[in-house]
Amino acid sequence: MPTAKQLADIGYKTFSTSMILLTVYGGYLCSARVYQFFQRRSSERQASEEQKTSGVL
């Protein structure tokens, strides 16, 4: 039977691990959104320039 200290250590390690995983996952989601934002911005800029050049010709 585990002692109270051992149970507390297990609980602390479990909680710490879950917080680390949530932080990593949050970072992944944030970086995916930033990447998507810059990709969309780049494609909009490219479409805008194509529209300008086709209007000039």
Protein backbone atom coordinates (compact mmCIF):
# COMPACT_ATOMS: atom_id res chain seq x y z
CA MET A 1 0.00 0.00 0.00
CA PRO A 2 1.53 3.35 -1.02
CA THR A 3 2.09 5.96 1.63
CA ALA A 4 0.56 9.42 1.54
CA LYS A 5 3.88 10.89 0.38
CA GLN A 6 4.11 8.39 -2.49
CA LEU A 7 0.53 9.19 -3.55
CA ALA A 8 1.30 12.89 -3.44
CA ASP A 9 4.44 12.38 -5.54
CA ILE A 10 2.51 10.34 -8.11
CA GLY A 11 -0.23 12.97 -8.26
CA TYR A 12 2.31 15.78 -8.64
CA LYS A 13 4.17 13.99 -11.44
CA THR A 14 0.92 13.19 -13.24
CA PHE A 15 -0.27 16.77 -12.97
CA SER A 16 3.09 18.17 -14.09
CA THR A 17 3.20 15.85 -17.08
CA SER A 18 -0.31 16.78 -18.15
CA MET A 19 0.52 20.50 -17.89
CA ILE A 20 3.64 20.01 -20.01
CA LEU A 21 1.63 18.15 -22.65
CA LEU A 22 -1.06 20.84 -22.67
CA THR A 23 1.59 23.54 -23.07
CA VAL A 24 3.23 21.72 -25.98
CA TYR A 25 -0.15 21.14 -27.64
CA GLY A 26 -1.11 24.79 -27.16
CA GLY A 27 2.17 25.87 -28.74
CA TYR A 28 1.50 23.58 -31.69
CA LEU A 29 -1.99 25.02 -32.19
CA CYS A 30 -0.70 28.58 -31.92
CA SER A 31 2.10 28.01 -34.42
CA ALA A 32 -0.33 26.30 -36.82
CA ARG A 33 -2.61 29.36 -36.70
CA VAL A 34 0.30 31.73 -37.29
CA TYR A 35 1.50 29.63 -40.24
CA GLN A 36 -2.02 29.58 -41.69
CA PHE A 37 -2.29 33.35 -41.25
CA PHE A 38 0.95 34.02 -43.14
CA GLN A 39 0.04 31.54 -45.89
CA ARG A 40 -3.35 33.22 -46.39
CA ARG A 41 -1.74 36.67 -46.35
CA SER A 42 0.82 35.58 -48.93
CA SER A 43 -1.80 34.09 -51.25
CA GLU A 44 -3.99 37.21 -50.95
CA ARG A 45 -1.03 39.43 -51.77
CA GLN A 46 -0.17 37.26 -54.77
CA ALA A 47 -3.78 37.34 -56.02
CA SER A 48 -3.85 41.12 -55.57
CA GLU A 49 -0.68 41.55 -57.62
CA GLU A 50 -2.03 39.26 -60.35
CA GLN A 51 -5.20 41.32 -60.47
CA LYS A 52 -3.19 44.55 -60.76
CA THR A 53 -1.02 43.20 -63.60
CA SER A 54 -3.99 41.82 -65.52
CA GLY A 55 -5.73 45.22 -65.22
CA VAL A 56 -2.68 47.03 -66.63
CA LEU A 57 -2.50 44.86 -69.76
